[in-house]
């Protein structure tokens, strides 16, 4: 049976990085690709997290607006399409 000291010595130190981990952040191809992904995500308003191992995590939300109107002839609420909303907006501007 292993002692606690032996088990602790087996666990890798989080401060130690392998050669592979160090190389990824110095790799020009990785830097070009990751920079492009990060820039694109930030321009879209996403949050960006770059992990020690080089992984990139982006999070964001998409805002969805839905408008419903009362249709008196159908006697129910009717969902307005994007086309309907654009037509309505144009007619307001010309009036």
PDB file of N, CA and C in Angstrom:
ATOM      1  N   UNK A   1       0.846  -1.173   0.000  1.00  0.00           N
ATOM      2  CA  UNK A   1       0.000   0.000   0.000  1.00  0.00           C
ATOM      3  C   UNK A   1       0.894   1.240   0.000  1.00  0.00           C
ATOM      4  N   UNK A   2       0.529   2.221  -0.841  1.00  0.00           N
ATOM      5  CA  UNK A   2       1.312   3.449  -0.959  1.00  0.00           C
ATOM      6  C   UNK A   2       1.026   4.380   0.210  1.00  0.00           C
ATOM      7  N   UNK A   3       2.086   5.057   0.658  1.00  0.00           N
ATOM      8  CA  UNK A   3       1.904   6.041   1.718  1.00  0.00           C
ATOM      9  C   UNK A   3       1.419   7.345   1.097  1.00  0.00           C
ATOM     10  N   UNK A   4       0.951   8.234   1.923  1.00  0.00           N
ATOM     11  CA  UNK A   4       0.453   9.524   1.438  1.00  0.00           C
ATOM     12  C   UNK A   4       1.582  10.295   0.762  1.00  0.00           C
ATOM     13  N   UNK A   5       2.790  10.223   1.302  1.00  0.00           N
ATOM     14  CA  UNK A   5       3.936  10.916   0.689  1.00  0.00           C
ATOM     15  C   UNK A   5       4.191  10.391  -0.719  1.00  0.00           C
ATOM     16  N   UNK A   6       4.117   9.090  -0.898  1.00  0.00           N
ATOM     17  CA  UNK A   6       4.349   8.501  -2.216  1.00  0.00           C
ATOM     18  C   UNK A   6       3.270   8.945  -3.211  1.00  0.00           C
ATOM     19  N   UNK A   7       2.038   9.001  -2.754  1.00  0.00           N
ATOM     20  CA  UNK A   7       0.935   9.424  -3.626  1.00  0.00           C
ATOM     21  C   UNK A   7       1.112  10.886  -4.030  1.00  0.00           C
ATOM     22  N   UNK A   8       1.490  11.730  -3.061  1.00  0.00           N
ATOM     23  CA  UNK A   8       1.690  13.155  -3.352  1.00  0.00           C
ATOM     24  C   UNK A   8       2.841  13.338  -4.340  1.00  0.00           C
ATOM     25  N   UNK A   9       3.875  12.546  -4.220  1.00  0.00           N
ATOM     26  CA  UNK A   9       5.013  12.654  -5.138  1.00  0.00           C
ATOM     27  C   UNK A   9       4.656  12.208  -6.552  1.00  0.00           C
ATOM     28  N   UNK A  10       3.664  11.360  -6.685  1.00  0.00           N
ATOM     29  CA  UNK A  10       3.237  10.892  -8.007  1.00  0.00           C
ATOM     30  C   UNK A  10       2.445  11.977  -8.740  1.00  0.00           C
ATOM     31  N   UNK A  11       1.693  12.783  -7.997  1.00  0.00           N
ATOM     32  CA  UNK A  11       0.864  13.823  -8.596  1.00  0.00           C
ATOM     33  C   UNK A  11       1.772  14.859  -9.255  1.00  0.00           C
ATOM     34  N   UNK A  12       1.532  15.172 -10.549  1.00  0.00           N
ATOM     35  CA  UNK A  12       2.393  16.153 -11.215  1.00  0.00           C
ATOM     36  C   UNK A  12       2.192  17.549 -10.645  1.00  0.00           C
ATOM     37  N   UNK A  13       3.260  18.292 -10.577  1.00  0.00           N
ATOM     38  CA  UNK A  13       3.211  19.669 -10.083  1.00  0.00           C
ATOM     39  C   UNK A  13       2.576  20.544 -11.152  1.00  0.00           C
ATOM     40  N   UNK A  14       1.581  21.334 -10.780  1.00  0.00           N
ATOM     41  CA  UNK A  14       0.876  22.169 -11.756  1.00  0.00           C
ATOM     42  C   UNK A  14       1.780  23.264 -12.310  1.00  0.00           C
ATOM     43  N   UNK A  15       2.865  23.588 -11.594  1.00  0.00           N
ATOM     44  CA  UNK A  15       3.784  24.617 -12.060  1.00  0.00           C
ATOM     45  C   UNK A  15       4.711  24.100 -13.162  1.00  0.00           C
ATOM     46  N   UNK A  16       4.899  22.794 -13.194  1.00  0.00           N
ATOM     47  CA  UNK A  16       5.767  22.210 -14.204  1.00  0.00           C
ATOM     48  C   UNK A  16       5.006  22.110 -15.512  1.00  0.00           C
ATOM     49  N   UNK A  17       5.649  22.558 -16.588  1.00  0.00           N
ATOM     50  CA  UNK A  17       5.041  22.450 -17.904  1.00  0.00           C
ATOM     51  C   UNK A  17       5.917  21.556 -18.755  1.00  0.00           C
ATOM     52  N   UNK A  18       5.278  20.755 -19.559  1.00  0.00           N
ATOM     53  CA  UNK A  18       6.045  19.905 -20.453  1.00  0.00           C
ATOM     54  C   UNK A  18       6.564  20.749 -21.608  1.00  0.00           C
ATOM     55  N   UNK A  19       7.506  20.208 -22.329  1.00  0.00           N
ATOM     56  CA  UNK A  19       8.066  20.907 -23.490  1.00  0.00           C
ATOM     57  C   UNK A  19       6.968  21.191 -24.501  1.00  0.00           C
ATOM     58  N   UNK A  20       6.047  20.255 -24.654  1.00  0.00           N
ATOM     59  CA  UNK A  20       4.945  20.411 -25.611  1.00  0.00           C
ATOM     60  C   UNK A  20       4.069  21.607 -25.246  1.00  0.00           C
ATOM     61  N   UNK A  21       3.768  21.782 -23.955  1.00  0.00           N
ATOM     62  CA  UNK A  21       2.948  22.911 -23.507  1.00  0.00           C
ATOM     63  C   UNK A  21       3.654  24.239 -23.754  1.00  0.00           C
ATOM     64  N   UNK A  22       4.947  24.286 -23.522  1.00  0.00           N
ATOM     65  CA  UNK A  22       5.694  25.512 -23.725  1.00  0.00           C
ATOM     66  C   UNK A  22       5.754  25.867 -25.204  1.00  0.00           C
ATOM     67  N   UNK A  23       5.922  24.876 -26.042  1.00  0.00           N
ATOM     68  CA  UNK A  23       6.075  25.115 -27.469  1.00  0.00           C
ATOM     69  C   UNK A  23       4.816  25.679 -28.121  1.00  0.00           C
ATOM     70  N   UNK A  24       3.639  25.311 -27.645  1.00  0.00           N
ATOM     71  CA  UNK A  24       2.410  25.758 -28.301  1.00  0.00           C
ATOM     72  C   UNK A  24       2.265  27.274 -28.250  1.00  0.00           C
ATOM     73  N   UNK A  25       2.625  27.900 -27.164  1.00  0.00           N
ATOM     74  CA  UNK A  25       2.505  29.351 -27.053  1.00  0.00           C
ATOM     75  C   UNK A  25       3.595  30.086 -27.839  1.00  0.00           C
ATOM     76  N   UNK A  26       4.634  29.365 -28.241  1.00  0.00           N
ATOM     77  CA  UNK A  26       5.699  29.965 -29.042  1.00  0.00           C
ATOM     78  C   UNK A  26       5.569  29.606 -30.518  1.00  0.00           C
ATOM     79  N   UNK A  27       4.630  28.755 -30.832  1.00  0.00           N
ATOM     80  CA  UNK A  27       4.435  28.293 -32.209  1.00  0.00           C
ATOM     81  C   UNK A  27       3.763  29.390 -33.044  1.00  0.00           C
ATOM     82  N   UNK A  28       4.435  29.905 -34.085  1.00  0.00           N
ATOM     83  CA  UNK A  28       3.868  30.985 -34.896  1.00  0.00           C
ATOM     84  C   UNK A  28       2.531  30.616 -35.549  1.00  0.00           C
ATOM     85  N   UNK A  29       2.379  29.382 -35.983  1.00  0.00           N
ATOM     86  CA  UNK A  29       1.119  28.955 -36.606  1.00  0.00           C
ATOM     87  C   UNK A  29      -0.022  28.994 -35.583  1.00  0.00           C
ATOM     88  N   UNK A  30       0.255  28.531 -34.367  1.00  0.00           N
ATOM     89  CA  UNK A  30      -0.755  28.591 -33.308  1.00  0.00           C
ATOM     90  C   UNK A  30      -1.122  30.037 -32.998  1.00  0.00           C
ATOM     91  N   UNK A  31      -0.113  30.903 -32.897  1.00  0.00           N
ATOM     92  CA  UNK A  31      -0.365  32.312 -32.588  1.00  0.00           C
ATOM     93  C   UNK A  31      -1.229  32.978 -33.654  1.00  0.00           C
ATOM     94  N   UNK A  32      -0.966  32.692 -34.934  1.00  0.00           N
ATOM     95  CA  UNK A  32      -1.775  33.277 -36.011  1.00  0.00           C
ATOM     96  C   UNK A  32      -3.217  32.795 -35.924  1.00  0.00           C
ATOM     97  N   UNK A  33      -3.393  31.494 -35.778  1.00  0.00           N
ATOM     98  CA  UNK A  33      -4.751  30.927 -35.733  1.00  0.00           C
ATOM     99  C   UNK A  33      -5.506  31.385 -34.487  1.00  0.00           C
ATOM    100  N   UNK A  34      -4.846  31.333 -33.349  1.00  0.00           N
ATOM    101  CA  UNK A  34      -5.529  31.711 -32.109  1.00  0.00           C
ATOM    102  C   UNK A  34      -5.851  33.196 -32.094  1.00  0.00           C
ATOM    103  N   UNK A  35      -4.953  34.023 -32.610  1.00  0.00           N
ATOM    104  CA  UNK A  35      -5.211  35.464 -32.656  1.00  0.00           C
ATOM    105  C   UNK A  35      -6.425  35.767 -33.512  1.00  0.00           C
ATOM    106  N   UNK A  36      -6.535  35.069 -34.622  1.00  0.00           N
ATOM    107  CA  UNK A  36      -7.677  35.269 -35.513  1.00  0.00           C
ATOM    108  C   UNK A  36      -8.990  34.900 -34.823  1.00  0.00           C
ATOM    109  N   UNK A  37      -8.991  33.759 -34.141  1.00  0.00           N
ATOM    110  CA  UNK A  37     -10.197  33.302 -33.433  1.00  0.00           C
ATOM    111  C   UNK A  37     -10.564  34.280 -32.313  1.00  0.00           C
ATOM    112  N   UNK A  38      -9.581  34.705 -31.551  1.00  0.00           N
ATOM    113  CA  UNK A  38      -9.823  35.605 -30.422  1.00  0.00           C
ATOM    114  C   UNK A  38     -10.329  36.961 -30.912  1.00  0.00           C
ATOM    115  N   UNK A  39      -9.706  37.510 -31.936  1.00  0.00           N
ATOM    116  CA  UNK A  39     -10.129  38.798 -32.479  1.00  0.00           C
ATOM    117  C   UNK A  39     -11.556  38.735 -33.003  1.00  0.00           C
ATOM    118  N   UNK A  40     -11.871  37.690 -33.753  1.00  0.00           N
ATOM    119  CA  UNK A  40     -13.214  37.524 -34.310  1.00  0.00           C
ATOM    120  C   UNK A  40     -14.255  37.421 -33.194  1.00  0.00           C
ATOM    121  N   UNK A  41     -13.955  36.639 -32.178  1.00  0.00           N
ATOM    122  CA  UNK A  41     -14.892  36.460 -31.063  1.00  0.00           C
ATOM    123  C   UNK A  41     -15.106  37.766 -30.303  1.00  0.00           C
ATOM    124  N   UNK A  42     -14.037  38.512 -30.062  1.00  0.00           N
ATOM    125  CA  UNK A  42     -14.162  39.783 -29.344  1.00  0.00           C
ATOM    126  C   UNK A  42     -14.960  40.809 -30.152  1.00  0.00           C
ATOM    127  N   UNK A  43     -14.769  40.820 -31.474  1.00  0.00           N
ATOM    128  CA  UNK A  43     -15.529  41.737 -32.320  1.00  0.00           C
ATOM    129  C   UNK A  43     -17.018  41.420 -32.300  1.00  0.00           C
ATOM    130  N   UNK A  44     -17.352  40.152 -32.103  1.00  0.00           N
ATOM    131  CA  UNK A  44     -18.758  39.740 -32.030  1.00  0.00           C
ATOM    132  C   UNK A  44     -19.334  39.923 -30.627  1.00  0.00           C
ATOM    133  N   UNK A  45     -18.515  40.386 -29.690  1.00  0.00           N
ATOM    134  CA  UNK A  45     -18.987  40.636 -28.332  1.00  0.00           C
ATOM    135  C   UNK A  45     -18.949  39.426 -27.423  1.00  0.00           C
ATOM    136  N   UNK A  46     -18.208  38.393 -27.802  1.00  0.00           N
ATOM    137  CA  UNK A  46     -18.109  37.198 -26.981  1.00  0.00           C
ATOM    138  C   UNK A  46     -17.075  37.400 -25.876  1.00  0.00           C
ATOM    139  N   UNK A  47     -17.196  36.613 -24.824  1.00  0.00           N
ATOM    140  CA  UNK A  47     -16.159  36.528 -23.803  1.00  0.00           C
ATOM    141  C   UNK A  47     -15.181  35.459 -24.267  1.00  0.00           C
ATOM    142  N   UNK A  48     -13.894  35.681 -24.031  1.00  0.00           N
ATOM    143  CA  UNK A  48     -12.864  34.751 -24.508  1.00  0.00           C
ATOM    144  C   UNK A  48     -11.996  34.312 -23.344  1.00  0.00           C
ATOM    145  N   UNK A  49     -11.720  33.034 -23.299  1.00  0.00           N
ATOM    146  CA  UNK A  49     -10.842  32.460 -22.281  1.00  0.00           C
ATOM    147  C   UNK A  49      -9.809  31.592 -23.000  1.00  0.00           C
ATOM    148  N   UNK A  50      -8.539  31.891 -22.797  1.00  0.00           N
ATOM    149  CA  UNK A  50      -7.473  31.083 -23.385  1.00  0.00           C
ATOM    150  C   UNK A  50      -6.826  30.296 -22.261  1.00  0.00           C
ATOM    151  N   UNK A  51      -6.881  28.988 -22.364  1.00  0.00           N
ATOM    152  CA  UNK A  51      -6.367  28.108 -21.315  1.00  0.00           C
ATOM    153  C   UNK A  51      -4.867  27.877 -21.471  1.00  0.00           C
ATOM    154  N   UNK A  52      -4.258  27.405 -20.408  1.00  0.00           N
ATOM    155  CA  UNK A  52      -2.814  27.148 -20.400  1.00  0.00           C
ATOM    156  C   UNK A  52      -2.387  26.181 -21.490  1.00  0.00           C
ATOM    157  N   UNK A  53      -3.243  25.207 -21.804  1.00  0.00           N
ATOM    158  CA  UNK A  53      -2.874  24.211 -22.806  1.00  0.00           C
ATOM    159  C   UNK A  53      -3.101  24.705 -24.233  1.00  0.00           C
ATOM    160  N   UNK A  54      -3.561  25.957 -24.382  1.00  0.00           N
ATOM    161  CA  UNK A  54      -3.764  26.522 -25.708  1.00  0.00           C
ATOM    162  C   UNK A  54      -5.203  26.496 -26.179  1.00  0.00           C
ATOM    163  N   UNK A  55      -6.059  25.783 -25.481  1.00  0.00           N
ATOM    164  CA  UNK A  55      -7.472  25.750 -25.853  1.00  0.00           C
ATOM    165  C   UNK A  55      -8.072  27.140 -25.682  1.00  0.00           C
ATOM    166  N   UNK A  56      -9.028  27.470 -26.553  1.00  0.00           N
ATOM    167  CA  UNK A  56      -9.718  28.749 -26.481  1.00  0.00           C
ATOM    168  C   UNK A  56     -11.200  28.473 -26.299  1.00  0.00           C
ATOM    169  N   UNK A  57     -11.809  29.139 -25.324  1.00  0.00           N
ATOM    170  CA  UNK A  57     -13.237  28.985 -25.056  1.00  0.00           C
ATOM    171  C   UNK A  57     -13.889  30.343 -25.273  1.00  0.00           C
ATOM    172  N   UNK A  58     -14.937  30.376 -26.107  1.00  0.00           N
ATOM    173  CA  UNK A  58     -15.679  31.619 -26.315  1.00  0.00           C
ATOM    174  C   UNK A  58     -17.120  31.408 -25.889  1.00  0.00           C
ATOM    175  N   UNK A  59     -17.692  32.414 -25.271  1.00  0.00           N
ATOM    176  CA  UNK A  59     -19.092  32.336 -24.869  1.00  0.00           C
ATOM    177  C   UNK A  59     -19.787  33.633 -25.268  1.00  0.00           C
ATOM    178  N   UNK A  60     -21.021  33.495 -25.644  1.00  0.00           N
ATOM    179  CA  UNK A  60     -21.797  34.662 -26.021  1.00  0.00           C
ATOM    180  C   UNK A  60     -23.272  34.340 -26.006  1.00  0.00           C
ATOM    181  N   UNK A  61     -24.048  35.369 -26.182  1.00  0.00           N
ATOM    182  CA  UNK A  61     -25.495  35.173 -26.239  1.00  0.00           C
ATOM    183  C   UNK A  61     -26.031  35.793 -27.514  1.00  0.00           C
ATOM    184  N   UNK A  62     -27.080  35.214 -28.018  1.00  0.00           N
ATOM    185  CA  UNK A  62     -27.727  35.725 -29.206  1.00  0.00           C
ATOM    186  C   UNK A  62     -29.055  36.324 -28.762  1.00  0.00           C
ATOM    187  N   UNK A  63     -29.281  37.562 -29.150  1.00  0.00           N
ATOM    188  CA  UNK A  63     -30.516  38.229 -28.770  1.00  0.00           C
ATOM    189  C   UNK A  63     -31.552  37.966 -29.846  1.00  0.00           C
ATOM    190  N   UNK A  64     -32.685  37.464 -29.420  1.00  0.00           N
ATOM    191  CA  UNK A  64     -33.777  37.153 -30.339  1.00  0.00           C
ATOM    192  C   UNK A  64     -34.960  38.023 -29.976  1.00  0.00           C
ATOM    193  N   UNK A  65     -35.447  38.753 -30.954  1.00  0.00           N
ATOM    194  CA  UNK A  65     -36.601  39.609 -30.743  1.00  0.00           C
ATOM    195  C   UNK A  65     -37.750  39.042 -31.561  1.00  0.00           C
ATOM    196  N   UNK A  66     -38.843  38.797 -30.903  1.00  0.00           N
ATOM    197  CA  UNK A  66     -40.037  38.289 -31.574  1.00  0.00           C
ATOM    198  C   UNK A  66     -41.174  39.248 -31.277  1.00  0.00           C
ATOM    199  N   UNK A  67     -41.865  39.623 -32.323  1.00  0.00           N
ATOM    200  CA  UNK A  67     -42.986  40.538 -32.146  1.00  0.00           C
ATOM    201  C   UNK A  67     -44.265  39.845 -32.607  1.00  0.00           C
ATOM    202  N   UNK A  68     -45.304  39.990 -31.790  1.00  0.00           N
ATOM    203  CA  UNK A  68     -46.619  39.439 -32.105  1.00  0.00           C
ATOM    204  C   UNK A  68     -47.607  40.591 -32.225  1.00  0.00           C
ATOM    205  N   UNK A  69     -48.529  40.447 -33.145  1.00  0.00           N
ATOM    206  CA  UNK A  69     -49.552  41.462 -33.371  1.00  0.00           C
ATOM    207  C   UNK A  69     -50.924  40.805 -33.346  1.00  0.00           C
ATOM    208  N   UNK A  70     -51.921  41.553 -32.901  1.00  0.00           N
ATOM    209  CA  UNK A  70     -53.283  41.031 -32.886  1.00  0.00           C
ATOM    210  C   UNK A  70     -53.868  41.153 -34.287  1.00  0.00           C
ATOM    211  N   UNK A  71     -54.328  40.011 -34.815  1.00  0.00           N
ATOM    212  CA  UNK A  71     -55.004  39.989 -36.120  1.00  0.00           C
ATOM    213  C   UNK A  71     -56.490  39.873 -35.835  1.00  0.00           C
ATOM    214  N   UNK A  72     -57.214  40.970 -36.043  1.00  0.00           N
ATOM    215  CA  UNK A  72     -58.639  40.986 -35.694  1.00  0.00           C
ATOM    216  C   UNK A  72     -59.460  40.081 -36.608  1.00  0.00           C
ATOM    217  N   UNK A  73     -59.021  39.894 -37.839  1.00  0.00           N
ATOM    218  CA  UNK A  73     -59.791  39.016 -38.732  1.00  0.00           C
ATOM    219  C   UNK A  73     -59.636  37.547 -38.330  1.00  0.00           C
ATOM    220  N   UNK A  74     -58.454  37.171 -37.875  1.00  0.00           N
ATOM    221  CA  UNK A  74     -58.211  35.791 -37.443  1.00  0.00           C
ATOM    222  C   UNK A  74     -58.533  35.580 -35.973  1.00  0.00           C
ATOM    223  N   UNK A  75     -58.694  36.693 -35.235  1.00  0.00           N
ATOM    224  CA  UNK A  75     -58.981  36.654 -33.800  1.00  0.00           C
ATOM    225  C   UNK A  75     -57.913  35.888 -33.017  1.00  0.00           C
ATOM    226  N   UNK A  76     -56.659  36.189 -33.358  1.00  0.00           N
ATOM    227  CA  UNK A  76     -55.539  35.576 -32.625  1.00  0.00           C
ATOM    228  C   UNK A  76     -54.290  36.413 -32.797  1.00  0.00           C
ATOM    229  N   UNK A  77     -53.303  36.127 -31.961  1.00  0.00           N
ATOM    230  CA  UNK A  77     -52.011  36.792 -32.062  1.00  0.00           C
ATOM    231  C   UNK A  77     -51.228  36.160 -33.206  1.00  0.00           C
ATOM    232  N   UNK A  78     -50.604  37.004 -34.010  1.00  0.00           N
ATOM    233  CA  UNK A  78     -49.852  36.529 -35.164  1.00  0.00           C
ATOM    234  C   UNK A  78     -48.408  36.997 -35.023  1.00  0.00           C
ATOM    235  N   UNK A  79     -47.506  36.056 -35.230  1.00  0.00           N
ATOM    236  CA  UNK A  79     -46.086  36.374 -35.148  1.00  0.00           C
ATOM    237  C   UNK A  79     -45.683  37.173 -36.387  1.00  0.00           C
ATOM    238  N   UNK A  80     -45.005  38.274 -36.178  1.00  0.00           N
ATOM    239  CA  UNK A  80     -44.548  39.107 -37.288  1.00  0.00           C
ATOM    240  C   UNK A  80     -43.222  38.548 -37.786  1.00  0.00           C
ATOM    241  N   UNK A  81     -43.100  38.438 -39.092  1.00  0.00           N
ATOM    242  CA  UNK A  81     -41.838  37.981 -39.667  1.00  0.00           C
ATOM    243  C   UNK A  81     -40.896  39.173 -39.818  1.00  0.00           C
ATOM    244  N   UNK A  82     -39.647  38.888 -40.075  1.00  0.00           N
ATOM    245  CA  UNK A  82     -38.663  39.955 -40.267  1.00  0.00           C
ATOM    246  C   UNK A  82     -39.044  40.808 -41.472  1.00  0.00           C
ATOM    247  N   UNK A  83     -39.592  40.180 -42.519  1.00  0.00           N
ATOM    248  CA  UNK A  83     -40.028  40.923 -43.706  1.00  0.00           C
ATOM    249  C   UNK A  83     -41.150  41.891 -43.349  1.00  0.00           C
ATOM    250  N   UNK A  84     -42.110  41.416 -42.571  1.00  0.00           N
ATOM    251  CA  UNK A  84     -43.229  42.274 -42.154  1.00  0.00           C
ATOM    252  C   UNK A  84     -42.731  43.471 -41.351  1.00  0.00           C
ATOM    253  N   UNK A  85     -41.783  43.229 -40.463  1.00  0.00           N
ATOM    254  CA  UNK A  85     -41.252  44.309 -39.640  1.00  0.00           C
ATOM    255  C   UNK A  85     -40.506  45.343 -40.489  1.00  0.00           C
ATOM    256  N   UNK A  86     -39.766  44.870 -41.500  1.00  0.00           N
ATOM    257  CA  UNK A  86     -39.048  45.794 -42.377  1.00  0.00           C
ATOM    258  C   UNK A  86     -40.028  46.625 -43.200  1.00  0.00           C
ATOM    259  N   UNK A  87     -41.091  45.976 -43.712  1.00  0.00           N
ATOM    260  CA  UNK A  87     -42.101  46.698 -44.471  1.00  0.00           C
ATOM    261  C   UNK A  87     -42.767  47.764 -43.608  1.00  0.00           C
ATOM    262  N   UNK A  88     -43.093  47.393 -42.377  1.00  0.00           N
ATOM    263  CA  UNK A  88     -43.738  48.312 -41.445  1.00  0.00           C
ATOM    264  C   UNK A  88     -42.812  49.501 -41.143  1.00  0.00           C
ATOM    265  N   UNK A  89     -41.526  49.225 -40.992  1.00  0.00           N
ATOM    266  CA  UNK A  89     -40.566  50.276 -40.700  1.00  0.00           C
ATOM    267  C   UNK A  89     -40.419  51.221 -41.883  1.00  0.00           C
ATOM    268  N   UNK A  90     -40.387  50.676 -43.114  1.00  0.00           N
ATOM    269  CA  UNK A  90     -40.273  51.507 -44.321  1.00  0.00           C
ATOM    270  C   UNK A  90     -41.511  52.382 -44.485  1.00  0.00           C
ATOM    271  N   UNK A  91     -42.689  51.816 -44.225  1.00  0.00           N
ATOM    272  CA  UNK A  91     -43.918  52.585 -44.389  1.00  0.00           C
ATOM    273  C   UNK A  91     -43.993  53.738 -43.367  1.00  0.00           C
ATOM    274  N   UNK A  92     -43.427  53.548 -42.189  1.00  0.00           N
ATOM    275  CA  UNK A  92     -43.397  54.609 -41.180  1.00  0.00           C
ATOM    276  C   UNK A  92     -42.469  55.742 -41.630  1.00  0.00           C
ATOM    277  N   UNK A  93     -41.351  55.398 -42.271  1.00  0.00           N
ATOM    278  CA  UNK A  93     -40.383  56.399 -42.694  1.00  0.00           C
ATOM    279  C   UNK A  93     -40.938  57.238 -43.859  1.00  0.00           C
ATOM    280  N   UNK A  94     -41.707  56.618 -44.739  1.00  0.00           N
ATOM    281  CA  UNK A  94     -42.255  57.350 -45.892  1.00  0.00           C
ATOM    282  C   UNK A  94     -43.488  58.148 -45.531  1.00  0.00           C
ATOM    283  N   UNK A  95     -44.132  57.802 -44.448  1.00  0.00           N
ATOM    284  CA  UNK A  95     -45.371  58.510 -44.051  1.00  0.00           C
ATOM    285  C   UNK A  95     -45.104  59.812 -43.353  1.00  0.00           C
TER     286      UNK A  95
END
